[in-house]
C-alpha atoms as a PDB file:
ATOM      1  CA  UNK A   1      16.121  -5.915   2.342  1.00  0.00           C
ATOM      2  CA  UNK A   2      14.676  -5.627   5.834  1.00  0.00           C
ATOM      3  CA  UNK A   3      11.853  -8.052   5.022  1.00  0.00           C
ATOM      4  CA  UNK A   4      14.027 -10.338   2.922  1.00  0.00           C
ATOM      5  CA  UNK A   5      11.905  -9.675  -0.158  1.00  0.00           C
ATOM      6  CA  UNK A   6      13.282  -8.964  -3.613  1.00  0.00           C
ATOM      7  CA  UNK A   7      12.124  -6.490  -6.236  1.00  0.00           C
ATOM      8  CA  UNK A   8      10.194  -9.217  -8.090  1.00  0.00           C
ATOM      9  CA  UNK A   9       6.561  -8.606  -8.967  1.00  0.00           C
ATOM     10  CA  UNK A  10       5.296 -11.267  -6.534  1.00  0.00           C
ATOM     11  CA  UNK A  11       7.453  -9.944  -3.702  1.00  0.00           C
ATOM     12  CA  UNK A  12       6.251  -6.398  -4.312  1.00  0.00           C
ATOM     13  CA  UNK A  13       2.655  -7.555  -3.766  1.00  0.00           C
ATOM     14  CA  UNK A  14       3.697  -9.357  -0.568  1.00  0.00           C
ATOM     15  CA  UNK A  15       5.425  -6.176   0.599  1.00  0.00           C
ATOM     16  CA  UNK A  16       2.186  -4.271  -0.037  1.00  0.00           C
ATOM     17  CA  UNK A  17       0.409  -6.732   2.273  1.00  0.00           C
ATOM     18  CA  UNK A  18       3.097  -6.206   4.931  1.00  0.00           C
ATOM     19  CA  UNK A  19       2.730  -2.433   4.547  1.00  0.00           C
ATOM     20  CA  UNK A  20      -1.078  -2.666   4.744  1.00  0.00           C
ATOM     21  CA  UNK A  21      -0.753  -4.436   8.088  1.00  0.00           C
ATOM     22  CA  UNK A  22       1.588  -1.709   9.329  1.00  0.00           C
ATOM     23  CA  UNK A  23      -0.383   1.366   8.233  1.00  0.00           C
ATOM     24  CA  UNK A  24      -3.884   2.013   6.966  1.00  0.00           C
ATOM     25  CA  UNK A  25      -3.397   2.512   3.266  1.00  0.00           C
ATOM     26  CA  UNK A  26      -6.327   1.505   1.086  1.00  0.00           C
ATOM     27  CA  UNK A  27      -4.019   1.612  -1.942  1.00  0.00           C
ATOM     28  CA  UNK A  28      -2.011  -1.296  -0.493  1.00  0.00           C
ATOM     29  CA  UNK A  29      -5.137  -3.419  -0.197  1.00  0.00           C
ATOM     30  CA  UNK A  30      -6.173  -2.542  -3.749  1.00  0.00           C
ATOM     31  CA  UNK A  31      -2.750  -3.481  -5.114  1.00  0.00           C
ATOM     32  CA  UNK A  32      -2.811  -6.804  -3.263  1.00  0.00           C
ATOM     33  CA  UNK A  33      -6.250  -7.561  -4.728  1.00  0.00           C
ATOM     34  CA  UNK A  34      -5.013  -6.712  -8.210  1.00  0.00           C
ATOM     35  CA  UNK A  35      -2.092  -9.107  -7.724  1.00  0.00           C
ATOM     36  CA  UNK A  36      -4.355 -11.883  -6.472  1.00  0.00           C
ATOM     37  CA  UNK A  37      -6.936 -11.444  -9.225  1.00  0.00           C
ATOM     38  CA  UNK A  38      -4.201 -11.280 -11.859  1.00  0.00           C
ATOM     39  CA  UNK A  39      -2.517 -14.400 -10.516  1.00  0.00           C
ATOM     40  CA  UNK A  40       0.707 -12.505  -9.813  1.00  0.00           C
ATOM     41  CA  UNK A  41       0.877 -13.566  -6.163  1.00  0.00           C
ATOM     42  CA  UNK A  42      -0.358 -16.401  -3.984  1.00  0.00           C
ATOM     43  CA  UNK A  43      -2.890 -16.003  -1.177  1.00  0.00           C
ATOM     44  CA  UNK A  44      -0.638 -17.890   1.258  1.00  0.00           C
ATOM     45  CA  UNK A  45       2.196 -15.439   0.748  1.00  0.00           C
ATOM     46  CA  UNK A  46      -0.175 -12.476   1.130  1.00  0.00           C
ATOM     47  CA  UNK A  47      -1.480 -13.882   4.413  1.00  0.00           C
ATOM     48  CA  UNK A  48       2.100 -14.383   5.571  1.00  0.00           C
ATOM     49  CA  UNK A  49       2.911 -10.769   4.660  1.00  0.00           C
ATOM     50  CA  UNK A  50      -0.090  -9.515   6.626  1.00  0.00           C
ATOM     51  CA  UNK A  51       0.797 -11.607   9.683  1.00  0.00           C
ATOM     52  CA  UNK A  52       4.422 -10.510   9.658  1.00  0.00           C
ATOM     53  CA  UNK A  53       3.396  -6.882   9.234  1.00  0.00           C
ATOM     54  CA  UNK A  54       1.113  -7.082  12.257  1.00  0.00           C
ATOM     55  CA  UNK A  55       3.750  -8.778  14.423  1.00  0.00           C
ATOM     56  CA  UNK A  56       6.515  -6.303  13.593  1.00  0.00           C
ATOM     57  CA  UNK A  57       7.121  -3.037  15.395  1.00  0.00           C
ATOM     58  CA  UNK A  58       5.550  -0.153  13.492  1.00  0.00           C
ATOM     59  CA  UNK A  59       8.261   0.899  11.088  1.00  0.00           C
ATOM     60  CA  UNK A  60       6.831   4.387  10.743  1.00  0.00           C
ATOM     61  CA  UNK A  61       8.155   5.068  14.268  1.00  0.00           C
ATOM     62  CA  UNK A  62      11.599   3.569  13.618  1.00  0.00           C
ATOM     63  CA  UNK A  63      14.622   5.878  13.594  1.00  0.00           C
ATOM     64  CA  UNK A  64      16.478   4.388  10.635  1.00  0.00           C
ATOM     65  CA  UNK A  65      19.554   6.544  11.161  1.00  0.00           C
ATOM     66  CA  UNK A  66      20.132   5.126  14.636  1.00  0.00           C
ATOM     67  CA  UNK A  67      20.536   1.626  13.180  1.00  0.00           C
ATOM     68  CA  UNK A  68      22.500   2.494  10.048  1.00  0.00           C
ATOM     69  CA  UNK A  69      25.616   0.637  11.240  1.00  0.00           C
ATOM     70  CA  UNK A  70      23.724  -2.160  13.036  1.00  0.00           C
ATOM     71  CA  UNK A  71      23.868  -5.607  11.406  1.00  0.00           C
ATOM     72  CA  UNK A  72      20.690  -6.517   9.544  1.00  0.00           C
ATOM     73  CA  UNK A  73      19.982  -9.547  11.733  1.00  0.00           C
ATOM     74  CA  UNK A  74      20.063  -7.352  14.850  1.00  0.00           C
ATOM     75  CA  UNK A  75      17.780  -4.747  13.291  1.00  0.00           C
ATOM     76  CA  UNK A  76      15.301  -7.457  12.303  1.00  0.00           C
ATOM     77  CA  UNK A  77      15.358  -8.828  15.845  1.00  0.00           C
ATOM     78  CA  UNK A  78      14.905  -5.363  17.354  1.00  0.00           C
ATOM     79  CA  UNK A  79      11.909  -4.658  15.117  1.00  0.00           C
ATOM     80  CA  UNK A  80      10.393  -8.131  15.333  1.00  0.00           C
ATOM     81  CA  UNK A  81      10.702  -8.742  11.618  1.00  0.00           C
ATOM     82  CA  UNK A  82      11.022 -12.292  10.360  1.00  0.00           C
ATOM     83  CA  UNK A  83      12.276 -12.581   6.767  1.00  0.00           C
ATOM     84  CA  UNK A  84       9.342 -13.214   4.444  1.00  0.00           C
ATOM     85  CA  UNK A  85      11.241 -15.515   2.095  1.00  0.00           C
ATOM     86  CA  UNK A  86      11.070 -19.265   2.581  1.00  0.00           C
END
């Protein structure tokens, strides 16, 4: 929800790209490659996920509980997250 992505297969690969940009997880890169090779996601969307992940505040340091009642748009602004859907 935070990134604006759904639970679709393509969006899950884009989320892996976002996550890879946030933290060093080789498994994320491998999953993105599998999606690209299998034609389950587009390179443009993967690049967008990587860019957005790099621009956003590191979510691993975010205190989720402190923003539980905060509107989603405000949380996105606070964390520098632009929705990844067009």
